[in-house]
Amino acid sequence: MMERKDMATEVFGRGLTCSQAVAVAFAEHYGIDPDTILKLSRGFGGGMGGMGGQCGAVSGAYMVIGMGYDPTDPVAKGKVYEKVQEFTRKFRERHSELNCNVLLGCDISSAEGKALMKEKNLRETHCACFVKDSVDIAEEVLGLRS
């Protein structure tokens, strides 16, 4: 069986968003239909709908963290928040930032930034790393290492 981070990297390489790649890598584990999770996570790519805000790979991981908890349990809410905070700390330890524009060094919401991103091949050299690291950190935070 393919490791989640390899699956996410492969999905991302096919042109899906960073948020989709991270979220779908956990769909089977949580018994969620992959098409449904791909639809739910689509708008978070490119720093929230291509606006260069919070990294979509991070947003995808936050979605994954919440999947394993009862949505009506008030205690679970606190556990999810703790796991999200732990994930955030670990992601920042690796990359120091959560914002796409800062992570990539260009404003991806502008035509110039998109051109620079393409010219520098940032999707393949940077974003793919954020996807892989987000899956890796989410597995660690959730205790899902095989």
C-alpha atoms as a PDB file:
ATOM      1  CA  MET A   1       0.000   0.000   0.000  1.00  0.00           C
ATOM      2  CA  MET A   2       1.219   3.480  -0.900  1.00  0.00           C
ATOM      3  CA  GLU A   3       2.216   5.749   1.985  1.00  0.00           C
ATOM      4  CA  ARG A   4      -0.086   8.722   2.515  1.00  0.00           C
ATOM      5  CA  LYS A   5       2.604  11.311   1.782  1.00  0.00           C
ATOM      6  CA  ASP A   6       3.463   9.542  -1.495  1.00  0.00           C
ATOM      7  CA  MET A   7      -0.210   9.368  -2.394  1.00  0.00           C
ATOM      8  CA  ALA A   8      -0.623  13.075  -1.648  1.00  0.00           C
ATOM      9  CA  THR A   9       2.436  13.961  -3.706  1.00  0.00           C
ATOM     10  CA  GLU A  10       1.144  11.873  -6.617  1.00  0.00           C
ATOM     11  CA  VAL A  11      -2.313  13.471  -6.444  1.00  0.00           C
ATOM     12  CA  PHE A  12      -0.764  16.933  -6.249  1.00  0.00           C
ATOM     13  CA  GLY A  13       1.425  16.105  -9.234  1.00  0.00           C
ATOM     14  CA  ARG A  14      -1.717  15.387 -11.264  1.00  0.00           C
ATOM     15  CA  GLY A  15      -2.766  19.001 -10.834  1.00  0.00           C
ATOM     16  CA  LEU A  16      -5.088  18.855  -7.851  1.00  0.00           C
ATOM     17  CA  THR A  17      -4.729  21.515  -5.185  1.00  0.00           C
ATOM     18  CA  CYS A  18      -2.465  21.205  -2.179  1.00  0.00           C
ATOM     19  CA  SER A  19      -5.451  21.062   0.161  1.00  0.00           C
ATOM     20  CA  GLN A  20      -7.074  18.313  -1.909  1.00  0.00           C
ATOM     21  CA  ALA A  21      -3.869  16.289  -1.994  1.00  0.00           C
ATOM     22  CA  VAL A  22      -3.470  16.341   1.777  1.00  0.00           C
ATOM     23  CA  ALA A  23      -7.129  15.682   2.591  1.00  0.00           C
ATOM     24  CA  VAL A  24      -7.653  12.839   0.110  1.00  0.00           C
ATOM     25  CA  ALA A  25      -4.615  11.004   1.455  1.00  0.00           C
ATOM     26  CA  PHE A  26      -6.623  10.387   4.649  1.00  0.00           C
ATOM     27  CA  ALA A  27     -10.028   9.665   3.062  1.00  0.00           C
ATOM     28  CA  GLU A  28      -9.701   5.881   3.199  1.00  0.00           C
ATOM     29  CA  HIS A  29      -8.522   5.926   6.813  1.00  0.00           C
ATOM     30  CA  TYR A  30     -11.644   7.826   7.863  1.00  0.00           C
ATOM     31  CA  GLY A  31     -14.010   5.987   5.511  1.00  0.00           C
ATOM     32  CA  ILE A  32     -14.802   9.114   3.537  1.00  0.00           C
ATOM     33  CA  ASP A  33     -15.561   8.982  -0.165  1.00  0.00           C
ATOM     34  CA  PRO A  34     -12.521  10.444  -1.995  1.00  0.00           C
ATOM     35  CA  ASP A  35     -14.707  12.446  -4.401  1.00  0.00           C
ATOM     36  CA  THR A  36     -16.494  14.068  -1.483  1.00  0.00           C
ATOM     37  CA  ILE A  37     -13.272  15.077   0.273  1.00  0.00           C
ATOM     38  CA  LEU A  38     -11.852  16.369  -3.022  1.00  0.00           C
ATOM     39  CA  LYS A  39     -14.921  18.574  -3.456  1.00  0.00           C
ATOM     40  CA  LEU A  40     -14.881  19.790   0.149  1.00  0.00           C
ATOM     41  CA  SER A  41     -11.175  20.671   0.134  1.00  0.00           C
ATOM     42  CA  ARG A  42     -10.899  22.251  -3.323  1.00  0.00           C
ATOM     43  CA  GLY A  43     -11.422  25.880  -2.324  1.00  0.00           C
ATOM     44  CA  PHE A  44      -8.572  25.945   0.182  1.00  0.00           C
ATOM     45  CA  GLY A  45      -5.757  25.583  -2.369  1.00  0.00           C
ATOM     46  CA  GLY A  46      -3.441  28.424  -3.273  1.00  0.00           C
ATOM     47  CA  GLY A  47      -3.769  30.008   0.120  1.00  0.00           C
ATOM     48  CA  MET A  48      -7.573  30.024   0.327  1.00  0.00           C
ATOM     49  CA  GLY A  49      -8.940  30.155  -3.181  1.00  0.00           C
ATOM     50  CA  GLY A  50      -5.732  31.349  -4.824  1.00  0.00           C
ATOM     51  CA  MET A  51      -5.495  34.460  -2.644  1.00  0.00           C
ATOM     52  CA  GLY A  52      -2.083  33.595  -1.182  1.00  0.00           C
ATOM     53  CA  GLY A  53      -3.267  33.373   2.438  1.00  0.00           C
ATOM     54  CA  GLN A  54      -2.904  30.319   4.641  1.00  0.00           C
ATOM     55  CA  CYS A  55      -1.210  27.439   2.828  1.00  0.00           C
ATOM     56  CA  GLY A  56      -3.777  25.004   1.450  1.00  0.00           C
ATOM     57  CA  ALA A  57      -1.688  22.021   2.536  1.00  0.00           C
ATOM     58  CA  VAL A  58      -2.023  23.291   6.100  1.00  0.00           C
ATOM     59  CA  SER A  59      -5.770  23.832   5.663  1.00  0.00           C
ATOM     60  CA  GLY A  60      -6.113  20.301   4.289  1.00  0.00           C
ATOM     61  CA  ALA A  61      -4.303  18.964   7.353  1.00  0.00           C
ATOM     62  CA  TYR A  62      -6.605  20.927   9.663  1.00  0.00           C
ATOM     63  CA  MET A  63      -9.576  19.290   7.927  1.00  0.00           C
ATOM     64  CA  VAL A  64      -8.001  15.868   8.409  1.00  0.00           C
ATOM     65  CA  ILE A  65      -7.358  16.511  12.090  1.00  0.00           C
ATOM     66  CA  GLY A  66     -11.037  17.207  12.661  1.00  0.00           C
ATOM     67  CA  MET A  67     -12.232  14.086  10.827  1.00  0.00           C
ATOM     68  CA  GLY A  68     -11.519  11.675  13.655  1.00  0.00           C
ATOM     69  CA  TYR A  69     -13.662  13.398  16.263  1.00  0.00           C
ATOM     70  CA  ASP A  70     -17.380  13.524  17.052  1.00  0.00           C
ATOM     71  CA  PRO A  71     -18.534  16.942  15.791  1.00  0.00           C
ATOM     72  CA  THR A  72     -21.116  17.275  18.571  1.00  0.00           C
ATOM     73  CA  ASP A  73     -18.787  16.433  21.470  1.00  0.00           C
ATOM     74  CA  PRO A  74     -17.639  19.621  23.258  1.00  0.00           C
ATOM     75  CA  VAL A  75     -14.606  17.805  24.703  1.00  0.00           C
ATOM     76  CA  ALA A  76     -13.573  16.705  21.213  1.00  0.00           C
ATOM     77  CA  LYS A  77     -13.535  20.340  20.101  1.00  0.00           C
ATOM     78  CA  GLY A  78     -10.758  21.047  22.595  1.00  0.00           C
ATOM     79  CA  LYS A  79      -8.835  17.976  21.448  1.00  0.00           C
ATOM     80  CA  VAL A  80      -9.079  19.093  17.821  1.00  0.00           C
ATOM     81  CA  TYR A  81      -7.833  22.562  18.746  1.00  0.00           C
ATOM     82  CA  GLU A  82      -4.885  21.035  20.617  1.00  0.00           C
ATOM     83  CA  LYS A  83      -3.971  18.869  17.623  1.00  0.00           C
ATOM     84  CA  VAL A  84      -4.308  21.826  15.217  1.00  0.00           C
ATOM     85  CA  GLN A  85      -2.042  23.898  17.449  1.00  0.00           C
ATOM     86  CA  GLU A  86       0.489  21.076  17.652  1.00  0.00           C
ATOM     87  CA  PHE A  87       0.398  20.668  13.875  1.00  0.00           C
ATOM     88  CA  THR A  88       0.896  24.422  13.414  1.00  0.00           C
ATOM     89  CA  ARG A  89       3.876  24.472  15.753  1.00  0.00           C
ATOM     90  CA  LYS A  90       5.519  21.551  13.955  1.00  0.00           C
ATOM     91  CA  PHE A  91       4.851  23.017  10.490  1.00  0.00           C
ATOM     92  CA  ARG A  92       6.353  26.331  11.591  1.00  0.00           C
ATOM     93  CA  GLU A  93       9.395  24.483  12.948  1.00  0.00           C
ATOM     94  CA  ARG A  94       9.988  23.179   9.423  1.00  0.00           C
ATOM     95  CA  HIS A  95       8.917  26.195   7.368  1.00  0.00           C
ATOM     96  CA  SER A  96       8.606  29.134   9.830  1.00  0.00           C
ATOM     97  CA  GLU A  97       5.411  30.375   8.164  1.00  0.00           C
ATOM     98  CA  LEU A  98       1.857  29.363   7.190  1.00  0.00           C
ATOM     99  CA  ASN A  99       1.128  32.029   4.554  1.00  0.00           C
ATOM    100  CA  CYS A 100       1.507  30.999   0.891  1.00  0.00           C
ATOM    101  CA  ASN A 101       2.808  34.344  -0.300  1.00  0.00           C
ATOM    102  CA  VAL A 102       5.519  34.353   2.353  1.00  0.00           C
ATOM    103  CA  LEU A 103       6.358  30.654   1.912  1.00  0.00           C
ATOM    104  CA  LEU A 104       6.722  31.152  -1.847  1.00  0.00           C
ATOM    105  CA  GLY A 105       8.226  34.632  -1.834  1.00  0.00           C
ATOM    106  CA  CYS A 106       5.673  36.071  -4.252  1.00  0.00           C
ATOM    107  CA  ASP A 107       2.064  37.252  -4.320  1.00  0.00           C
ATOM    108  CA  ILE A 108       0.317  34.338  -5.996  1.00  0.00           C
ATOM    109  CA  SER A 109      -2.932  36.290  -6.190  1.00  0.00           C
ATOM    110  CA  SER A 110      -1.402  38.636  -8.787  1.00  0.00           C
ATOM    111  CA  ALA A 111      -0.599  37.936 -12.429  1.00  0.00           C
ATOM    112  CA  GLU A 112       3.044  38.797 -11.771  1.00  0.00           C
ATOM    113  CA  GLY A 113       3.217  36.439  -8.804  1.00  0.00           C
ATOM    114  CA  LYS A 114       1.597  33.615 -10.757  1.00  0.00           C
ATOM    115  CA  ALA A 115       4.110  34.140 -13.563  1.00  0.00           C
ATOM    116  CA  LEU A 116       7.002  34.122 -11.086  1.00  0.00           C
ATOM    117  CA  MET A 117       5.636  30.984  -9.439  1.00  0.00           C
ATOM    118  CA  LYS A 118       5.534  29.248 -12.811  1.00  0.00           C
ATOM    119  CA  GLU A 119       8.932  30.598 -13.900  1.00  0.00           C
ATOM    120  CA  LYS A 120      10.608  29.409 -10.696  1.00  0.00           C
ATOM    121  CA  ASN A 121       8.692  26.106 -10.723  1.00  0.00           C
ATOM    122  CA  LEU A 122       7.586  26.778  -7.137  1.00  0.00           C
ATOM    123  CA  ARG A 123       4.630  24.381  -7.270  1.00  0.00           C
ATOM    124  CA  GLU A 124       7.011  21.472  -7.815  1.00  0.00           C
ATOM    125  CA  THR A 125       9.942  22.710  -5.726  1.00  0.00           C
ATOM    126  CA  HIS A 126       8.097  24.223  -2.763  1.00  0.00           C
ATOM    127  CA  CYS A 127       4.400  23.359  -2.694  1.00  0.00           C
ATOM    128  CA  ALA A 128       4.997  19.633  -3.164  1.00  0.00           C
ATOM    129  CA  CYS A 129       7.236  19.760  -0.083  1.00  0.00           C
ATOM    130  CA  PHE A 130       4.510  21.528   1.922  1.00  0.00           C
ATOM    131  CA  VAL A 131       2.054  18.811   0.874  1.00  0.00           C
ATOM    132  CA  LYS A 132       4.389  15.999   1.888  1.00  0.00           C
ATOM    133  CA  ASP A 133       5.301  17.669   5.185  1.00  0.00           C
ATOM    134  CA  SER A 134       1.659  18.398   6.013  1.00  0.00           C
ATOM    135  CA  VAL A 135       0.760  14.735   5.600  1.00  0.00           C
ATOM    136  CA  ASP A 136       3.805  13.675   7.597  1.00  0.00           C
ATOM    137  CA  ILE A 137       3.044  16.068  10.458  1.00  0.00           C
ATOM    138  CA  ALA A 138      -0.683  15.214  10.477  1.00  0.00           C
ATOM    139  CA  GLU A 139       0.163  11.509  10.761  1.00  0.00           C
ATOM    140  CA  GLU A 140       2.508  12.271  13.642  1.00  0.00           C
ATOM    141  CA  VAL A 141       0.020  14.494  15.474  1.00  0.00           C
ATOM    142  CA  LEU A 142      -2.777  11.954  15.011  1.00  0.00           C
ATOM    143  CA  GLY A 143      -0.621   8.951  15.946  1.00  0.00           C
ATOM    144  CA  LEU A 144      -1.165   7.277  12.567  1.00  0.00           C
ATOM    145  CA  ARG A 145       2.360   6.208  11.763  1.00  0.00           C
ATOM    146  CA  SER A 146       2.400   2.680  10.393  1.00  0.00           C
END
